[in-house]
PDB file of N, CA and C in Angstrom:
ATOM      1  N   UNK A   1      97.806 109.013 107.369  1.00  0.00           N
ATOM      2  CA  UNK A   1      96.979 109.637 106.370  1.00  0.00           C
ATOM      3  C   UNK A   1      95.951 110.500 107.082  1.00  0.00           C
ATOM      4  N   UNK A   2      95.639 111.615 106.471  1.00  0.00           N
ATOM      5  CA  UNK A   2      94.617 112.502 106.997  1.00  0.00           C
ATOM      6  C   UNK A   2      93.641 112.786 105.870  1.00  0.00           C
ATOM      7  N   UNK A   3      92.382 112.516 106.113  1.00  0.00           N
ATOM      8  CA  UNK A   3      91.330 112.781 105.137  1.00  0.00           C
ATOM      9  C   UNK A   3      90.431 113.853 105.721  1.00  0.00           C
ATOM     10  N   UNK A   4      90.068 114.804 104.870  1.00  0.00           N
ATOM     11  CA  UNK A   4      89.211 115.899 105.306  1.00  0.00           C
ATOM     12  C   UNK A   4      88.114 116.110 104.272  1.00  0.00           C
ATOM     13  N   UNK A   5      86.891 116.255 104.742  1.00  0.00           N
ATOM     14  CA  UNK A   5      85.740 116.495 103.879  1.00  0.00           C
ATOM     15  C   UNK A   5      84.955 117.660 104.470  1.00  0.00           C
ATOM     16  N   UNK A   6      84.607 118.618 103.609  1.00  0.00           N
ATOM     17  CA  UNK A   6      83.771 119.720 104.076  1.00  0.00           C
ATOM     18  C   UNK A   6      82.785 120.087 102.978  1.00  0.00           C
ATOM     19  N   UNK A   7      81.509 120.023 103.332  1.00  0.00           N
ATOM     20  CA  UNK A   7      80.431 120.468 102.453  1.00  0.00           C
ATOM     21  C   UNK A   7      79.550 121.399 103.282  1.00  0.00           C
ATOM     22  N   UNK A   8      78.480 121.878 102.686  1.00  0.00           N
ATOM     23  CA  UNK A   8      77.550 122.726 103.438  1.00  0.00           C
ATOM     24  C   UNK A   8      76.912 121.966 104.590  1.00  0.00           C
ATOM     25  N   UNK A   9      76.699 120.654 104.398  1.00  0.00           N
ATOM     26  CA  UNK A   9      75.993 119.850 105.393  1.00  0.00           C
ATOM     27  C   UNK A   9      76.900 119.057 106.331  1.00  0.00           C
ATOM     28  N   UNK A  10      78.139 118.776 105.899  1.00  0.00           N
ATOM     29  CA  UNK A  10      78.990 117.822 106.623  1.00  0.00           C
ATOM     30  C   UNK A  10      80.424 118.326 106.708  1.00  0.00           C
ATOM     31  N   UNK A  11      81.065 118.036 107.849  1.00  0.00           N
ATOM     32  CA  UNK A  11      82.501 118.243 107.983  1.00  0.00           C
ATOM     33  C   UNK A  11      83.071 117.018 108.683  1.00  0.00           C
ATOM     34  N   UNK A  12      83.992 116.346 108.007  1.00  0.00           N
ATOM     35  CA  UNK A  12      84.581 115.111 108.533  1.00  0.00           C
ATOM     36  C   UNK A  12      86.093 115.226 108.465  1.00  0.00           C
ATOM     37  N   UNK A  13      86.760 114.806 109.520  1.00  0.00           N
ATOM     38  CA  UNK A  13      88.211 114.737 109.545  1.00  0.00           C
ATOM     39  C   UNK A  13      88.593 113.387 110.145  1.00  0.00           C
ATOM     40  N   UNK A  14      89.462 112.662 109.449  1.00  0.00           N
ATOM     41  CA  UNK A  14      89.897 111.354 109.943  1.00  0.00           C
ATOM     42  C   UNK A  14      91.395 111.211 109.748  1.00  0.00           C
ATOM     43  N   UNK A  15      92.071 110.699 110.767  1.00  0.00           N
ATOM     44  CA  UNK A  15      93.510 110.471 110.704  1.00  0.00           C
ATOM     45  C   UNK A  15      93.802 109.017 111.012  1.00  0.00           C
ATOM     46  N   UNK A  16      94.899 108.537 110.461  1.00  0.00           N
ATOM     47  CA  UNK A  16      95.337 107.187 110.771  1.00  0.00           C
ATOM     48  C   UNK A  16      95.359 106.294 109.554  1.00  0.00           C
ATOM     49  N   UNK A  17      95.510 105.010 109.786  1.00  0.00           N
ATOM     50  CA  UNK A  17      95.574 104.015 108.720  1.00  0.00           C
ATOM     51  C   UNK A  17      94.156 103.567 108.397  1.00  0.00           C
ATOM     52  N   UNK A  18      93.504 104.301 107.506  1.00  0.00           N
ATOM     53  CA  UNK A  18      92.113 104.025 107.171  1.00  0.00           C
ATOM     54  C   UNK A  18      92.011 102.888 106.165  1.00  0.00           C
ATOM     55  N   UNK A  19      91.086 101.958 106.367  1.00  0.00           N
ATOM     56  CA  UNK A  19      90.896 100.864 105.413  1.00  0.00           C
ATOM     57  C   UNK A  19      90.473 101.399 104.043  1.00  0.00           C
ATOM     58  N   UNK A  20      90.926 100.735 102.986  1.00  0.00           N
ATOM     59  CA  UNK A  20      90.602 101.146 101.625  1.00  0.00           C
ATOM     60  C   UNK A  20      89.104 101.232 101.394  1.00  0.00           C
ATOM     61  N   UNK A  21      88.324 100.320 101.983  1.00  0.00           N
ATOM     62  CA  UNK A  21      86.880 100.326 101.760  1.00  0.00           C
ATOM     63  C   UNK A  21      86.239 101.601 102.312  1.00  0.00           C
ATOM     64  N   UNK A  22      86.787 102.133 103.392  1.00  0.00           N
ATOM     65  CA  UNK A  22      86.278 103.386 103.954  1.00  0.00           C
ATOM     66  C   UNK A  22      86.605 104.546 103.017  1.00  0.00           C
ATOM     67  N   UNK A  23      87.829 104.579 102.539  1.00  0.00           N
ATOM     68  CA  UNK A  23      88.246 105.641 101.622  1.00  0.00           C
ATOM     69  C   UNK A  23      87.413 105.597 100.352  1.00  0.00           C
ATOM     70  N   UNK A  24      87.190 104.409  99.817  1.00  0.00           N
ATOM     71  CA  UNK A  24      86.390 104.261  98.603  1.00  0.00           C
ATOM     72  C   UNK A  24      84.959 104.731  98.826  1.00  0.00           C
ATOM     73  N   UNK A  25      84.376 104.398  99.972  1.00  0.00           N
ATOM     74  CA  UNK A  25      83.006 104.824 100.273  1.00  0.00           C
ATOM     75  C   UNK A  25      82.931 106.346 100.397  1.00  0.00           C
ATOM     76  N   UNK A  26      83.921 106.957 101.047  1.00  0.00           N
ATOM     77  CA  UNK A  26      83.948 108.414 101.169  1.00  0.00           C
ATOM     78  C   UNK A  26      84.126 109.072  99.808  1.00  0.00           C
ATOM     79  N   UNK A  27      85.004 108.518  98.986  1.00  0.00           N
ATOM     80  CA  UNK A  27      85.222 109.065  97.651  1.00  0.00           C
ATOM     81  C   UNK A  27      83.941 108.976  96.820  1.00  0.00           C
ATOM     82  N   UNK A  28      83.245 107.836  96.925  1.00  0.00           N
ATOM     83  CA  UNK A  28      82.006 107.644  96.163  1.00  0.00           C
ATOM     84  C   UNK A  28      80.940 108.645  96.603  1.00  0.00           C
ATOM     85  N   UNK A  29      80.854 108.872  97.899  1.00  0.00           N
ATOM     86  CA  UNK A  29      79.820 109.754  98.438  1.00  0.00           C
ATOM     87  C   UNK A  29      80.146 111.236  98.245  1.00  0.00           C
ATOM     88  N   UNK A  30      81.416 111.621  98.455  1.00  0.00           N
ATOM     89  CA  UNK A  30      81.757 113.042  98.489  1.00  0.00           C
ATOM     90  C   UNK A  30      82.594 113.519  97.308  1.00  0.00           C
ATOM     91  N   UNK A  31      83.110 112.611  96.501  1.00  0.00           N
ATOM     92  CA  UNK A  31      83.842 112.983  95.285  1.00  0.00           C
ATOM     93  C   UNK A  31      84.951 113.978  95.529  1.00  0.00           C
ATOM     94  N   UNK A  32      84.879 115.122  94.849  1.00  0.00           N
ATOM     95  CA  UNK A  32      85.953 116.108  94.903  1.00  0.00           C
ATOM     96  C   UNK A  32      86.042 116.845  96.225  1.00  0.00           C
ATOM     97  N   UNK A  33      85.058 116.698  97.078  1.00  0.00           N
ATOM     98  CA  UNK A  33      85.134 117.316  98.398  1.00  0.00           C
ATOM     99  C   UNK A  33      86.072 116.552  99.334  1.00  0.00           C
ATOM    100  N   UNK A  34      86.508 115.364  98.895  1.00  0.00           N
ATOM    101  CA  UNK A  34      87.422 114.541  99.688  1.00  0.00           C
ATOM    102  C   UNK A  34      88.851 115.007  99.434  1.00  0.00           C
ATOM    103  N   UNK A  35      89.542 115.377 100.488  1.00  0.00           N
ATOM    104  CA  UNK A  35      90.923 115.851 100.376  1.00  0.00           C
ATOM    105  C   UNK A  35      91.831 114.896 101.138  1.00  0.00           C
ATOM    106  N   UNK A  36      92.851 114.364 100.435  1.00  0.00           N
ATOM    107  CA  UNK A  36      93.871 113.537 101.079  1.00  0.00           C
ATOM    108  C   UNK A  36      95.007 114.446 101.511  1.00  0.00           C
ATOM    109  N   UNK A  37      95.497 114.234 102.691  1.00  0.00           N
ATOM    110  CA  UNK A  37      96.670 114.970 103.137  1.00  0.00           C
ATOM    111  C   UNK A  37      97.750 113.961 103.521  1.00  0.00           C
ATOM    112  N   UNK A  38      97.987 113.019 102.636  1.00  0.00           N
ATOM    113  CA  UNK A  38      98.969 111.978 102.931  1.00  0.00           C
ATOM    114  C   UNK A  38     100.386 112.524 102.950  1.00  0.00           C
ATOM    115  N   UNK A  39     100.621 113.640 102.288  1.00  0.00           N
ATOM    116  CA  UNK A  39     101.965 114.199 102.227  1.00  0.00           C
ATOM    117  C   UNK A  39     102.454 114.572 103.629  1.00  0.00           C
ATOM    118  N   UNK A  40     101.532 114.805 104.575  1.00  0.00           N
ATOM    119  CA  UNK A  40     101.911 115.139 105.937  1.00  0.00           C
ATOM    120  C   UNK A  40     102.299 113.904 106.754  1.00  0.00           C
ATOM    121  N   UNK A  41     101.953 112.749 106.274  1.00  0.00           N
ATOM    122  CA  UNK A  41     102.253 111.507 106.968  1.00  0.00           C
ATOM    123  C   UNK A  41     103.757 111.262 106.907  1.00  0.00           C
ATOM    124  N   UNK A  42     104.414 111.086 108.051  1.00  0.00           N
ATOM    125  CA  UNK A  42     105.869 110.913 108.075  1.00  0.00           C
ATOM    126  C   UNK A  42     106.311 109.718 107.245  1.00  0.00           C
ATOM    127  N   UNK A  43     105.572 108.624 107.316  1.00  0.00           N
ATOM    128  CA  UNK A  43     105.912 107.449 106.525  1.00  0.00           C
ATOM    129  C   UNK A  43     105.831 107.784 105.041  1.00  0.00           C
ATOM    130  N   UNK A  44     104.813 108.540 104.661  1.00  0.00           N
ATOM    131  CA  UNK A  44     104.635 108.878 103.256  1.00  0.00           C
ATOM    132  C   UNK A  44     105.734 109.806 102.772  1.00  0.00           C
ATOM    133  N   UNK A  45     106.182 110.711 103.618  1.00  0.00           N
ATOM    134  CA  UNK A  45     107.256 111.625 103.222  1.00  0.00           C
ATOM    135  C   UNK A  45     108.504 110.850 102.806  1.00  0.00           C
ATOM    136  N   UNK A  46     108.710 109.685 103.368  1.00  0.00           N
ATOM    137  CA  UNK A  46     109.887 108.888 103.061  1.00  0.00           C
ATOM    138  C   UNK A  46     109.727 108.107 101.762  1.00  0.00           C
ATOM    139  N   UNK A  47     108.517 108.068 101.212  1.00  0.00           N
ATOM    140  CA  UNK A  47     108.273 107.300  99.999  1.00  0.00           C
ATOM    141  C   UNK A  47     108.920 107.963  98.789  1.00  0.00           C
ATOM    142  N   UNK A  48     109.479 107.135  97.962  1.00  0.00           N
ATOM    143  CA  UNK A  48     109.992 107.584  96.678  1.00  0.00           C
ATOM    144  C   UNK A  48     108.810 107.714  95.727  1.00  0.00           C
ATOM    145  N   UNK A  49     108.972 108.459  94.618  1.00  0.00           N
ATOM    146  CA  UNK A  49     107.873 108.572  93.653  1.00  0.00           C
ATOM    147  C   UNK A  49     107.353 107.206  93.185  1.00  0.00           C
ATOM    148  N   UNK A  50     108.252 106.265  93.000  1.00  0.00           N
ATOM    149  CA  UNK A  50     107.826 104.931  92.565  1.00  0.00           C
ATOM    150  C   UNK A  50     106.942 104.263  93.613  1.00  0.00           C
ATOM    151  N   UNK A  51     107.276 104.439  94.886  1.00  0.00           N
ATOM    152  CA  UNK A  51     106.479 103.871  95.966  1.00  0.00           C
ATOM    153  C   UNK A  51     105.131 104.580  96.078  1.00  0.00           C
ATOM    154  N   UNK A  52     105.129 105.905  95.865  1.00  0.00           N
ATOM    155  CA  UNK A  52     103.878 106.662  95.910  1.00  0.00           C
ATOM    156  C   UNK A  52     102.944 106.202  94.798  1.00  0.00           C
ATOM    157  N   UNK A  53     103.505 105.963  93.609  1.00  0.00           N
ATOM    158  CA  UNK A  53     102.698 105.486  92.482  1.00  0.00           C
ATOM    159  C   UNK A  53     102.006 104.175  92.840  1.00  0.00           C
ATOM    160  N   UNK A  54     102.768 103.225  93.356  1.00  0.00           N
ATOM    161  CA  UNK A  54     102.199 101.934  93.720  1.00  0.00           C
ATOM    162  C   UNK A  54     101.174 102.092  94.852  1.00  0.00           C
ATOM    163  N   UNK A  55     101.498 102.935  95.828  1.00  0.00           N
ATOM    164  CA  UNK A  55     100.606 103.172  96.965  1.00  0.00           C
ATOM    165  C   UNK A  55      99.238 103.676  96.495  1.00  0.00           C
ATOM    166  N   UNK A  56      99.236 104.718  95.666  1.00  0.00           N
ATOM    167  CA  UNK A  56      97.967 105.297  95.221  1.00  0.00           C
ATOM    168  C   UNK A  56      97.230 104.389  94.250  1.00  0.00           C
ATOM    169  N   UNK A  57      97.957 103.647  93.434  1.00  0.00           N
ATOM    170  CA  UNK A  57      97.297 102.705  92.521  1.00  0.00           C
ATOM    171  C   UNK A  57      96.569 101.635  93.325  1.00  0.00           C
ATOM    172  N   UNK A  58      97.244 101.071  94.315  1.00  0.00           N
ATOM    173  CA  UNK A  58      96.627 100.041  95.135  1.00  0.00           C
ATOM    174  C   UNK A  58      95.507 100.609  96.001  1.00  0.00           C
ATOM    175  N   UNK A  59      95.694 101.821  96.514  1.00  0.00           N
ATOM    176  CA  UNK A  59      94.678 102.476  97.324  1.00  0.00           C
ATOM    177  C   UNK A  59      93.383 102.640  96.530  1.00  0.00           C
ATOM    178  N   UNK A  60      93.524 102.864  95.237  1.00  0.00           N
ATOM    179  CA  UNK A  60      92.367 103.033  94.361  1.00  0.00           C
ATOM    180  C   UNK A  60      91.934 101.730  93.702  1.00  0.00           C
ATOM    181  N   UNK A  61      92.495 100.627  94.177  1.00  0.00           N
ATOM    182  CA  UNK A  61      92.136  99.284  93.699  1.00  0.00           C
ATOM    183  C   UNK A  61      92.177  99.206  92.168  1.00  0.00           C
ATOM    184  N   UNK A  62      93.292  99.651  91.614  1.00  0.00           N
ATOM    185  CA  UNK A  62      93.465  99.706  90.178  1.00  0.00           C
ATOM    186  C   UNK A  62      94.629  98.801  89.781  1.00  0.00           C
ATOM    187  N   UNK A  63      94.457  98.048  88.715  1.00  0.00           N
ATOM    188  CA  UNK A  63      95.558  97.224  88.213  1.00  0.00           C
ATOM    189  C   UNK A  63      96.521  98.102  87.428  1.00  0.00           C
ATOM    190  N   UNK A  64      97.714  97.583  87.174  1.00  0.00           N
ATOM    191  CA  UNK A  64      98.673  98.324  86.366  1.00  0.00           C
ATOM    192  C   UNK A  64      98.127  98.558  84.965  1.00  0.00           C
ATOM    193  N   UNK A  65      97.437  97.575  84.421  1.00  0.00           N
ATOM    194  CA  UNK A  65      96.849  97.709  83.085  1.00  0.00           C
ATOM    195  C   UNK A  65      95.774  98.796  83.063  1.00  0.00           C
ATOM    196  N   UNK A  66      94.934  98.839  84.093  1.00  0.00           N
ATOM    197  CA  UNK A  66      93.888  99.866  84.169  1.00  0.00           C
ATOM    198  C   UNK A  66      94.486 101.263  84.261  1.00  0.00           C
ATOM    199  N   UNK A  67      95.526 101.400  85.071  1.00  0.00           N
ATOM    200  CA  UNK A  67      96.177 102.696  85.200  1.00  0.00           C
ATOM    201  C   UNK A  67      96.809 103.100  83.869  1.00  0.00           C
ATOM    202  N   UNK A  68      97.442 102.158  83.196  1.00  0.00           N
ATOM    203  CA  UNK A  68      98.039 102.438  81.895  1.00  0.00           C
ATOM    204  C   UNK A  68      97.015 102.963  80.902  1.00  0.00           C
ATOM    205  N   UNK A  69      95.825 102.381  80.917  1.00  0.00           N
ATOM    206  CA  UNK A  69      94.748 102.849  80.036  1.00  0.00           C
ATOM    207  C   UNK A  69      94.341 104.276  80.367  1.00  0.00           C
ATOM    208  N   UNK A  70      94.206 104.566  81.655  1.00  0.00           N
ATOM    209  CA  UNK A  70      93.801 105.914  82.085  1.00  0.00           C
ATOM    210  C   UNK A  70      94.861 106.957  81.741  1.00  0.00           C
ATOM    211  N   UNK A  71      96.115 106.519  81.695  1.00  0.00           N
ATOM    212  CA  UNK A  71      97.213 107.431  81.371  1.00  0.00           C
ATOM    213  C   UNK A  71      97.388 107.629  79.862  1.00  0.00           C
ATOM    214  N   UNK A  72      96.610 106.916  79.078  1.00  0.00           N
ATOM    215  CA  UNK A  72      96.713 107.071  77.627  1.00  0.00           C
ATOM    216  C   UNK A  72      97.389 105.904  76.956  1.00  0.00           C
ATOM    217  N   UNK A  73      96.930 104.700  77.281  1.00  0.00           N
ATOM    218  CA  UNK A  73      97.447 103.464  76.677  1.00  0.00           C
ATOM    219  C   UNK A  73      98.942 103.246  76.907  1.00  0.00           C
ATOM    220  N   UNK A  74      99.377 103.492  78.119  1.00  0.00           N
ATOM    221  CA  UNK A  74     100.758 103.177  78.503  1.00  0.00           C
ATOM    222  C   UNK A  74     100.796 101.698  78.858  1.00  0.00           C
ATOM    223  N   UNK A  75     101.742 100.943  78.305  1.00  0.00           N
ATOM    224  CA  UNK A  75     101.799  99.503  78.578  1.00  0.00           C
ATOM    225  C   UNK A  75     101.962  99.194  80.072  1.00  0.00           C
ATOM    226  N   UNK A  76     101.388  98.081  80.469  1.00  0.00           N
ATOM    227  CA  UNK A  76     101.471  97.610  81.859  1.00  0.00           C
ATOM    228  C   UNK A  76     102.927  97.521  82.306  1.00  0.00           C
ATOM    229  N   UNK A  77     103.807  97.095  81.408  1.00  0.00           N
ATOM    230  CA  UNK A  77     105.225  96.944  81.746  1.00  0.00           C
ATOM    231  C   UNK A  77     105.855  98.288  82.125  1.00  0.00           C
ATOM    232  N   UNK A  78     105.423  99.363  81.462  1.00  0.00           N
ATOM    233  CA  UNK A  78     105.963 100.684  81.807  1.00  0.00           C
ATOM    234  C   UNK A  78     105.515 101.089  83.207  1.00  0.00           C
ATOM    235  N   UNK A  79     104.265 100.790  83.542  1.00  0.00           N
ATOM    236  CA  UNK A  79     103.765 101.090  84.899  1.00  0.00           C
ATOM    237  C   UNK A  79     104.578 100.300  85.918  1.00  0.00           C
ATOM    238  N   UNK A  80     104.796  99.032  85.630  1.00  0.00           N
ATOM    239  CA  UNK A  80     105.591  98.174  86.511  1.00  0.00           C
ATOM    240  C   UNK A  80     107.003  98.741  86.681  1.00  0.00           C
ATOM    241  N   UNK A  81     107.614  99.170  85.588  1.00  0.00           N
ATOM    242  CA  UNK A  81     108.963  99.741  85.655  1.00  0.00           C
ATOM    243  C   UNK A  81     108.995 101.034  86.466  1.00  0.00           C
ATOM    244  N   UNK A  82     107.948 101.858  86.344  1.00  0.00           N
ATOM    245  CA  UNK A  82     107.884 103.086  87.151  1.00  0.00           C
ATOM    246  C   UNK A  82     107.731 102.742  88.633  1.00  0.00           C
ATOM    247  N   UNK A  83     106.926 101.727  88.941  1.00  0.00           N
ATOM    248  CA  UNK A  83     106.746 101.322  90.342  1.00  0.00           C
ATOM    249  C   UNK A  83     108.006 100.699  90.917  1.00  0.00           C
ATOM    250  N   UNK A  84     108.786 100.046  90.075  1.00  0.00           N
ATOM    251  CA  UNK A  84     110.028  99.417  90.538  1.00  0.00           C
ATOM    252  C   UNK A  84     111.201 100.383  90.549  1.00  0.00           C
ATOM    253  N   UNK A  85     110.990 101.590  90.006  1.00  0.00           N
ATOM    254  CA  UNK A  85     112.047 102.589  89.996  1.00  0.00           C
ATOM    255  C   UNK A  85     113.045 102.435  88.861  1.00  0.00           C
ATOM    256  N   UNK A  86     112.763 101.539  87.919  1.00  0.00           N
ATOM    257  CA  UNK A  86     113.681 101.362  86.784  1.00  0.00           C
ATOM    258  C   UNK A  86     113.324 102.281  85.616  1.00  0.00           C
ATOM    259  N   UNK A  87     112.199 102.956  85.703  1.00  0.00           N
ATOM    260  CA  UNK A  87     111.771 103.932  84.698  1.00  0.00           C
ATOM    261  C   UNK A  87     111.303 105.171  85.449  1.00  0.00           C
ATOM    262  N   UNK A  88     111.835 106.326  85.077  1.00  0.00           N
ATOM    263  CA  UNK A  88     111.458 107.575  85.746  1.00  0.00           C
ATOM    264  C   UNK A  88     110.022 107.957  85.395  1.00  0.00           C
ATOM    265  N   UNK A  89     109.375 108.647  86.319  1.00  0.00           N
ATOM    266  CA  UNK A  89     108.040 109.183  86.075  1.00  0.00           C
ATOM    267  C   UNK A  89     108.238 110.587  85.518  1.00  0.00           C
ATOM    268  N   UNK A  90     107.819 110.796  84.281  1.00  0.00           N
ATOM    269  CA  UNK A  90     107.988 112.102  83.641  1.00  0.00           C
ATOM    270  C   UNK A  90     107.032 113.122  84.260  1.00  0.00           C
ATOM    271  N   UNK A  91     107.312 114.381  84.035  1.00  0.00           N
ATOM    272  CA  UNK A  91     106.454 115.444  84.561  1.00  0.00           C
ATOM    273  C   UNK A  91     105.039 115.344  83.989  1.00  0.00           C
ATOM    274  N   UNK A  92     104.875 115.132  82.660  1.00  0.00           N
ATOM    275  CA  UNK A  92     103.507 114.999  82.145  1.00  0.00           C
ATOM    276  C   UNK A  92     102.745 113.821  82.759  1.00  0.00           C
ATOM    277  N   UNK A  93     103.440 112.710  82.969  1.00  0.00           N
ATOM    278  CA  UNK A  93     102.797 111.544  83.595  1.00  0.00           C
ATOM    279  C   UNK A  93     102.460 111.859  85.047  1.00  0.00           C
ATOM    280  N   UNK A  94     103.376 112.525  85.758  1.00  0.00           N
ATOM    281  CA  UNK A  94     103.125 112.896  87.157  1.00  0.00           C
ATOM    282  C   UNK A  94     101.884 113.784  87.266  1.00  0.00           C
ATOM    283  N   UNK A  95     101.716 114.715  86.320  1.00  0.00           N
ATOM    284  CA  UNK A  95     100.533 115.583  86.324  1.00  0.00           C
ATOM    285  C   UNK A  95      99.261 114.769  86.118  1.00  0.00           C
ATOM    286  N   UNK A  96      99.312 113.815  85.191  1.00  0.00           N
ATOM    287  CA  UNK A  96      98.145 112.959  84.953  1.00  0.00           C
ATOM    288  C   UNK A  96      97.836 112.113  86.179  1.00  0.00           C
ATOM    289  N   UNK A  97      98.883 111.584  86.825  1.00  0.00           N
ATOM    290  CA  UNK A  97      98.680 110.776  88.031  1.00  0.00           C
ATOM    291  C   UNK A  97      98.021 111.603  89.133  1.00  0.00           C
ATOM    292  N   UNK A  98      98.469 112.838  89.291  1.00  0.00           N
ATOM    293  CA  UNK A  98      97.869 113.724  90.283  1.00  0.00           C
ATOM    294  C   UNK A  98      96.381 113.921  90.040  1.00  0.00           C
ATOM    295  N   UNK A  99      96.004 114.081  88.768  1.00  0.00           N
ATOM    296  CA  UNK A  99      94.592 114.260  88.431  1.00  0.00           C
ATOM    297  C   UNK A  99      93.801 112.978  88.646  1.00  0.00           C
ATOM    298  N   UNK A 100      94.374 111.849  88.237  1.00  0.00           N
ATOM    299  CA  UNK A 100      93.684 110.561  88.383  1.00  0.00           C
ATOM    300  C   UNK A 100      93.430 110.246  89.857  1.00  0.00           C
ATOM    301  N   UNK A 101      94.462 110.434  90.691  1.00  0.00           N
ATOM    302  CA  UNK A 101      94.357 110.063  92.097  1.00  0.00           C
ATOM    303  C   UNK A 101      93.907 111.221  92.993  1.00  0.00           C
ATOM    304  N   UNK A 102      93.757 112.421  92.404  1.00  0.00           N
ATOM    305  CA  UNK A 102      93.317 113.611  93.141  1.00  0.00           C
ATOM    306  C   UNK A 102      94.248 113.930  94.310  1.00  0.00           C
ATOM    307  N   UNK A 103      95.548 113.910  94.002  1.00  0.00           N
ATOM    308  CA  UNK A 103      96.585 114.243  94.978  1.00  0.00           C
ATOM    309  C   UNK A 103      97.594 115.166  94.293  1.00  0.00           C
ATOM    310  N   UNK A 104      98.440 115.856  95.056  1.00  0.00           N
ATOM    311  CA  UNK A 104      99.428 116.741  94.436  1.00  0.00           C
ATOM    312  C   UNK A 104     100.402 115.989  93.526  1.00  0.00           C
ATOM    313  N   UNK A 105     100.711 116.630  92.401  1.00  0.00           N
ATOM    314  CA  UNK A 105     101.661 116.075  91.423  1.00  0.00           C
ATOM    315  C   UNK A 105     103.016 115.769  92.078  1.00  0.00           C
ATOM    316  N   UNK A 106     103.399 116.570  93.049  1.00  0.00           N
ATOM    317  CA  UNK A 106     104.703 116.442  93.703  1.00  0.00           C
ATOM    318  C   UNK A 106     104.926 115.056  94.311  1.00  0.00           C
ATOM    319  N   UNK A 107     103.843 114.350  94.600  1.00  0.00           N
ATOM    320  CA  UNK A 107     103.978 112.997  95.162  1.00  0.00           C
ATOM    321  C   UNK A 107     104.734 112.073  94.215  1.00  0.00           C
ATOM    322  N   UNK A 108     104.693 112.373  92.919  1.00  0.00           N
ATOM    323  CA  UNK A 108     105.253 111.472  91.911  1.00  0.00           C
ATOM    324  C   UNK A 108     106.540 111.995  91.283  1.00  0.00           C
ATOM    325  N   UNK A 109     107.084 113.080  91.822  1.00  0.00           N
ATOM    326  CA  UNK A 109     108.321 113.661  91.272  1.00  0.00           C
ATOM    327  C   UNK A 109     109.473 113.528  92.239  1.00  0.00           C
TER     328      UNK A 109
END
């Protein structure tokens, strides 16, 4: 994973397996200035959309039920099915996931 932050006062670049607590602290402090470049990670490139969904949900310390609510009252079971690959992630859902997790929609397609 590669995280990059640039503001008028600060420029930070970090690579590697960063602990979730560090990512959460950076997100809290810098918000939209925080850019994830996980798509460049070779391990991440091998992830299926279902694996990416679970990865980003867990990275954001969100339950399946919480994510379902953010997506517009989608049942927890549907989230589980998408993570298990038994239910496809639609384009509209992929777009919402990209906005929620602040990552490219392509991660979920």
